[in-house]
Amino acid sequence: MSKLSAAERVAIARNPQRPNITDYIGALFTDFFEQKGDRLCREDPAILGGVALYHGRPVTVIGTRKGKTAEESIRCNFGMPSPEGYRKALRLMKQAEKFRRPVITFIDTSGAYPGLEAEAHGQGEAIARNLFEMSRLKVPVLAIITGEGNSGGALALAAADRVLMLENAVYAILSPEGFASILWRDSGRHEEACELMKLTAADLLPLGVIDDMIPEPEGGAHTAPAQAMREVDRAISRHLTAMLKENFPQAARYKKFRKLGVPAKEET
């Protein structure tokens, strides 16, 4: 594992050339069939989802989409989903449960869209509903944080049996700039905030917040995408195989999240 500061890993996690959800779908899955819309309001391109085959096994794949070109980023709202996106994701997860398909999510977002329209359409309720329903899904759920995983916008796709992180990804309650603005009223202290927030995979793995760290090529996944894809593929295959052997995944998932932050001696 390369010795980079937390701020340097944040910069790598935000690199616009870093592999995104469309790259992972193209490299790791076959026969992907995209499904659109929340059947209530509209289609939100900030979340991409559908049915695919993973090494011949039917799965449901869902992920946040930032976009790589300026046009695509604007269309996808820079990876900040609206309530319609989260409702689409939930629709696909409930469909996966009905047809006994494992759910695999890819997370790379600076957070849910905080705009007036999103709030008016029930952003908070949509995120809360996803957390509630994901905790009860009767199929295995695997989440991979590939870039930024900030706030409830990330957590809405991460209430999973296994949460994995790429080596240079970050996972936190909000951005370092937002943290510094709230704590010190100075967003310029964001590098200091990066260290305090414990947002890297190396920080979170010992705390049990994530279950595995996926190694990246030197300099980040975007420097050698094929190598990064092989590492992600190995991790998915290993964890999915283990999860498929669990008879009651929702019970293990409940226990996993209930014990977060509880010292070992206090666990029951």
Protein backbone atom coordinates (compact mmCIF):
# COMPACT_ATOMS: atom_id res chain seq x y z
CA MET A 1 0.00 0.00 0.00
CA SER A 2 1.44 3.37 -1.05
CA LYS A 3 2.05 5.94 1.68
CA LEU A 4 -0.06 8.91 0.68
CA SER A 5 -1.68 11.51 2.89
CA ALA A 6 -5.44 11.52 3.31
CA ALA A 7 -5.63 14.74 1.26
CA GLU A 8 -3.68 13.11 -1.57
CA ARG A 9 -6.09 10.18 -1.58
CA VAL A 10 -9.04 12.58 -1.74
CA ALA A 11 -7.46 14.17 -4.82
CA ILE A 12 -7.02 10.76 -6.45
CA ALA A 13 -10.59 9.75 -5.56
CA ARG A 14 -11.84 12.87 -7.35
CA ASN A 15 -9.75 12.42 -10.49
CA PRO A 16 -12.17 12.77 -13.43
CA GLN A 17 -10.38 9.99 -15.34
CA ARG A 18 -10.91 7.47 -12.57
CA PRO A 19 -12.97 4.44 -13.74
CA ASN A 20 -16.68 5.00 -13.24
CA ILE A 21 -19.80 2.86 -13.19
CA THR A 22 -19.96 2.50 -16.98
CA ASP A 23 -16.34 1.33 -17.04
CA TYR A 24 -16.98 -1.29 -14.38
CA ILE A 25 -20.11 -2.55 -16.09
CA GLY A 26 -18.29 -2.81 -19.42
CA ALA A 27 -15.30 -4.63 -17.94
CA LEU A 28 -16.85 -6.93 -15.33
CA PHE A 29 -20.37 -7.75 -16.54
CA THR A 30 -22.03 -9.04 -19.67
CA ASP A 31 -25.51 -8.69 -21.17
CA PHE A 32 -26.23 -5.51 -19.21
CA PHE A 33 -29.82 -4.34 -19.64
CA GLU A 34 -30.38 -0.82 -18.32
CA GLN A 35 -33.63 -0.01 -16.57
CA LYS A 36 -34.76 3.58 -16.25
CA GLY A 37 -37.19 5.66 -14.24
CA ASP A 38 -38.66 5.51 -10.76
CA ARG A 39 -42.22 4.98 -12.05
CA LEU A 40 -43.29 7.99 -10.04
CA CYS A 41 -41.73 11.09 -11.55
CA ARG A 42 -38.77 10.92 -13.94
CA GLU A 43 -35.49 9.32 -14.96
CA ASP A 44 -32.40 10.42 -13.03
CA PRO A 45 -29.20 9.69 -15.01
CA ALA A 46 -27.07 10.28 -11.89
CA ILE A 47 -27.85 6.67 -11.00
CA LEU A 48 -27.34 3.89 -13.53
CA GLY A 49 -28.85 0.48 -12.92
CA GLY A 50 -30.02 -2.69 -14.54
CA VAL A 51 -29.73 -6.45 -14.84
CA ALA A 52 -26.51 -8.15 -15.97
CA LEU A 53 -24.54 -11.37 -15.82
CA TYR A 54 -21.51 -11.65 -13.57
CA HIS A 55 -19.49 -14.69 -14.62
CA GLY A 56 -22.74 -16.16 -15.88
CA ARG A 57 -24.78 -15.39 -12.74
CA PRO A 58 -27.72 -12.95 -13.00
CA VAL A 59 -27.20 -9.90 -10.79
CA THR A 60 -28.60 -6.41 -10.39
CA VAL A 61 -25.99 -3.68 -10.80
CA ILE A 62 -26.58 -0.12 -9.55
CA GLY A 63 -24.17 2.79 -9.33
CA THR A 64 -23.80 6.53 -9.12
CA ARG A 65 -22.64 8.17 -12.35
CA LYS A 66 -20.59 11.38 -12.35
CA GLY A 67 -19.79 11.54 -16.04
CA LYS A 68 -16.41 12.14 -17.66
CA THR A 69 -17.09 14.81 -20.27
CA ALA A 70 -18.54 18.21 -19.43
CA GLU A 71 -21.78 17.38 -21.23
CA GLU A 72 -22.18 14.03 -19.50
CA SER A 73 -21.34 15.51 -16.09
CA ILE A 74 -24.01 18.17 -16.48
CA ARG A 75 -26.56 15.59 -17.61
CA CYS A 76 -25.72 13.41 -14.59
CA ASN A 77 -25.68 16.39 -12.21
CA PHE A 78 -22.03 15.62 -11.42
CA GLY A 79 -23.01 12.37 -9.72
CA MET A 80 -25.37 13.95 -7.19
CA PRO A 81 -28.60 11.92 -7.36
CA SER A 82 -32.07 13.32 -6.87
CA PRO A 83 -34.86 11.47 -5.02
CA GLU A 84 -35.93 9.93 -8.32
CA GLY A 85 -32.54 8.28 -8.63
CA TYR A 86 -32.73 6.70 -5.20
CA ARG A 87 -36.28 5.53 -5.85
CA LYS A 88 -35.12 3.98 -9.12
CA ALA A 89 -32.33 2.20 -7.24
CA LEU A 90 -34.81 0.91 -4.67
CA ARG A 91 -37.17 -0.29 -7.40
CA LEU A 92 -34.34 -2.31 -8.93
CA MET A 93 -33.29 -3.74 -5.56
CA LYS A 94 -36.84 -4.89 -4.78
CA GLN A 95 -37.02 -6.43 -8.24
CA ALA A 96 -33.73 -8.23 -7.55
CA GLU A 97 -35.21 -9.60 -4.33
CA LYS A 98 -38.25 -10.89 -6.19
CA PHE A 99 -36.12 -12.78 -8.69
CA ARG A 100 -33.43 -13.81 -6.17
CA ARG A 101 -30.61 -11.85 -7.79
CA PRO A 102 -27.68 -10.53 -5.73
CA VAL A 103 -27.32 -6.74 -5.72
CA ILE A 104 -23.97 -5.08 -6.46
CA THR A 105 -23.63 -1.31 -6.03
CA PHE A 106 -20.83 1.02 -7.12
CA ILE A 107 -20.57 4.29 -5.21
CA ASP A 108 -18.82 7.47 -6.32
CA THR A 109 -20.64 10.62 -5.27
CA SER A 110 -19.92 13.86 -3.45
CA GLY A 111 -23.40 13.49 -1.94
CA ALA A 112 -27.08 13.63 -2.76
CA TYR A 113 -28.24 16.72 -4.63
CA PRO A 114 -29.19 19.39 -2.03
CA GLY A 115 -31.22 21.63 -4.34
CA LEU A 116 -34.67 23.06 -3.65
CA GLU A 117 -36.40 20.80 -6.18
CA ALA A 118 -34.78 17.68 -4.69
CA GLU A 119 -35.88 18.66 -1.20
CA ALA A 120 -39.38 19.39 -2.45
CA HIS A 121 -39.51 15.92 -4.04
CA GLY A 122 -38.53 14.20 -0.78
CA GLN A 123 -34.76 13.76 -0.85
CA GLY A 124 -34.48 12.91 2.84
CA GLU A 125 -37.36 10.45 2.71
CA ALA A 126 -35.96 8.73 -0.38
CA ILE A 127 -32.58 8.17 1.29
CA ALA A 128 -34.20 7.00 4.54
CA ARG A 129 -36.48 4.64 2.63
CA ASN A 130 -33.49 3.08 0.86
CA LEU A 131 -31.71 2.50 4.17
CA PHE A 132 -34.83 0.94 5.66
CA GLU A 133 -35.54 -1.33 2.71
CA MET A 134 -31.90 -2.31 2.05
CA SER A 135 -31.55 -3.45 5.64
CA ARG A 136 -34.35 -5.98 5.01
CA LEU A 137 -33.47 -7.29 1.55
CA LYS A 138 -33.45 -11.09 1.45
CA VAL A 139 -30.69 -11.29 -1.15
CA PRO A 140 -26.96 -10.64 -0.79
CA VAL A 141 -25.93 -6.99 -1.18
CA LEU A 142 -22.35 -6.00 -2.01
CA ALA A 143 -21.29 -2.33 -2.12
CA ILE A 144 -18.02 -1.04 -3.58
CA ILE A 145 -16.88 2.53 -2.94
CA THR A 146 -14.81 3.38 -6.00
CA GLY A 147 -14.17 7.12 -5.56
CA GLU A 148 -15.94 9.50 -3.21
CA GLY A 149 -18.51 8.13 -0.81
CA ASN A 150 -19.91 11.18 0.94
CA SER A 151 -22.89 11.65 3.20
CA GLY A 152 -26.30 10.02 2.99
CA GLY A 153 -26.03 10.16 -0.77
CA ALA A 154 -23.47 7.36 -0.57
CA LEU A 155 -24.98 5.54 2.39
CA ALA A 156 -28.27 5.14 0.50
CA LEU A 157 -26.52 2.53 -1.66
CA ALA A 158 -24.18 1.14 1.00
CA ALA A 159 -26.38 -0.61 3.59
CA ALA A 160 -24.84 -3.86 2.40
CA ASP A 161 -23.66 -7.22 3.71
CA ARG A 162 -20.15 -6.34 2.58
CA VAL A 163 -18.80 -2.84 1.99
CA LEU A 164 -15.55 -2.72 0.02
CA MET A 165 -13.35 0.28 -0.78
CA LEU A 166 -10.69 0.85 -3.35
CA GLU A 167 -7.39 1.80 -1.79
CA ASN A 168 -7.65 5.46 -2.80
CA ALA A 169 -11.38 5.88 -2.31
CA VAL A 170 -12.81 7.92 0.58
CA TYR A 171 -15.94 7.39 2.70
CA ALA A 172 -17.20 10.11 5.04
CA ILE A 173 -20.14 12.02 6.47
CA LEU A 174 -19.44 14.99 4.17
CA SER A 175 -16.66 16.53 2.10
CA PRO A 176 -13.46 17.73 3.82
CA GLU A 177 -14.27 21.26 2.65
CA GLY A 178 -17.69 21.07 4.28
CA PHE A 179 -16.20 19.62 7.46
CA ALA A 180 -13.65 22.47 7.69
CA SER A 181 -16.34 25.08 7.00
CA ILE A 182 -18.53 23.77 9.82
CA LEU A 183 -15.80 23.10 12.37
CA TRP A 184 -13.49 26.07 11.77
CA ARG A 185 -15.52 28.28 9.40
CA ASP A 186 -12.59 27.99 7.02
CA SER A 187 -12.83 25.63 4.02
CA GLY A 188 -9.16 26.33 3.32
CA ARG A 189 -8.27 23.96 6.15
CA HIS A 190 -9.64 21.00 4.19
CA GLU A 191 -6.30 19.15 4.16
CA GLU A 192 -6.25 19.23 7.95
CA ALA A 193 -9.84 18.02 7.94
CA CYS A 194 -8.87 15.05 5.73
CA GLU A 195 -6.58 13.75 8.46
CA LEU A 196 -9.11 14.25 11.28
CA MET A 197 -12.03 12.67 9.47
CA LYS A 198 -10.49 9.17 9.13
CA LEU A 199 -12.02 8.80 5.70
CA THR A 200 -9.54 6.51 3.91
CA ALA A 201 -9.84 2.77 3.48
CA ALA A 202 -6.82 2.25 5.73
CA ASP A 203 -8.58 4.24 8.48
CA LEU A 204 -11.96 2.55 8.15
CA LEU A 205 -10.97 -1.09 7.77
CA PRO A 206 -9.70 -1.52 11.37
CA LEU A 207 -12.87 0.18 12.65
CA GLY A 208 -15.11 -2.34 10.88
CA VAL A 209 -16.86 0.36 8.86
CA ILE A 210 -15.74 -1.43 5.69
CA ASP A 211 -15.00 -5.11 5.18
CA ASP A 212 -12.15 -5.10 2.68
CA MET A 213 -9.74 -2.78 0.90
CA ILE A 214 -9.08 -3.36 -2.80
CA PRO A 215 -5.52 -2.50 -3.89
CA GLU A 216 -4.95 -0.03 -6.71
CA PRO A 217 -2.10 0.52 -9.16
CA GLU A 218 0.49 3.10 -8.15
CA GLY A 219 -0.99 6.55 -8.67
CA GLY A 220 -4.60 5.39 -8.72
CA ALA A 221 -6.98 3.17 -10.67
CA HIS A 222 -7.01 5.55 -13.63
CA THR A 223 -3.29 4.96 -14.28
CA ALA A 224 -3.82 1.25 -15.09
CA PRO A 225 -7.55 0.57 -15.44
CA ALA A 226 -7.18 -3.03 -16.59
CA GLN A 227 -5.15 -3.91 -13.50
CA ALA A 228 -7.64 -2.13 -11.27
CA MET A 229 -10.53 -4.03 -12.87
CA ARG A 230 -8.82 -7.35 -12.19
CA GLU A 231 -8.45 -6.46 -8.51
CA VAL A 232 -12.10 -5.39 -8.26
CA ASP A 233 -13.20 -8.56 -10.04
CA ARG A 234 -11.25 -10.75 -7.61
CA ALA A 235 -12.76 -8.95 -4.63
CA ILE A 236 -16.33 -9.17 -5.92
CA SER A 237 -15.96 -12.85 -6.76
CA ARG A 238 -14.49 -13.69 -3.35
CA HIS A 239 -17.08 -11.83 -1.29
CA LEU A 240 -20.08 -12.74 -3.43
CA THR A 241 -19.21 -16.44 -3.20
CA ALA A 242 -19.09 -16.18 0.59
CA MET A 243 -22.34 -14.22 0.82
CA LEU A 244 -24.26 -16.69 -1.34
CA LYS A 245 -23.58 -19.35 1.29
CA GLU A 246 -25.42 -17.37 4.00
CA ASN A 247 -28.97 -18.61 4.55
CA PHE A 248 -30.33 -15.43 6.12
CA PRO A 249 -28.35 -12.44 4.79
CA GLN A 250 -30.63 -9.84 6.34
CA ALA A 251 -29.92 -11.16 9.86
CA ALA A 252 -26.15 -10.93 9.35
CA ARG A 253 -26.54 -7.48 7.80
CA TYR A 254 -28.55 -6.26 10.78
CA LYS A 255 -25.93 -7.54 13.21
CA LYS A 256 -23.11 -5.98 11.19
CA PHE A 257 -24.55 -2.47 11.37
CA ARG A 258 -25.76 -2.74 14.96
CA LYS A 259 -22.25 -3.40 16.22
CA LEU A 260 -20.55 -0.54 14.38
CA GLY A 261 -18.81 1.68 16.93
CA VAL A 262 -19.43 -0.72 19.80
CA PRO A 263 -16.30 -2.00 21.59
CA ALA A 264 -15.86 -5.77 21.35
CA LYS A 265 -16.48 -6.29 25.07
CA GLU A 266 -19.89 -4.59 24.80
CA GLU A 267 -21.15 -6.69 21.87
CA THR A 268 -24.04 -9.02 22.61
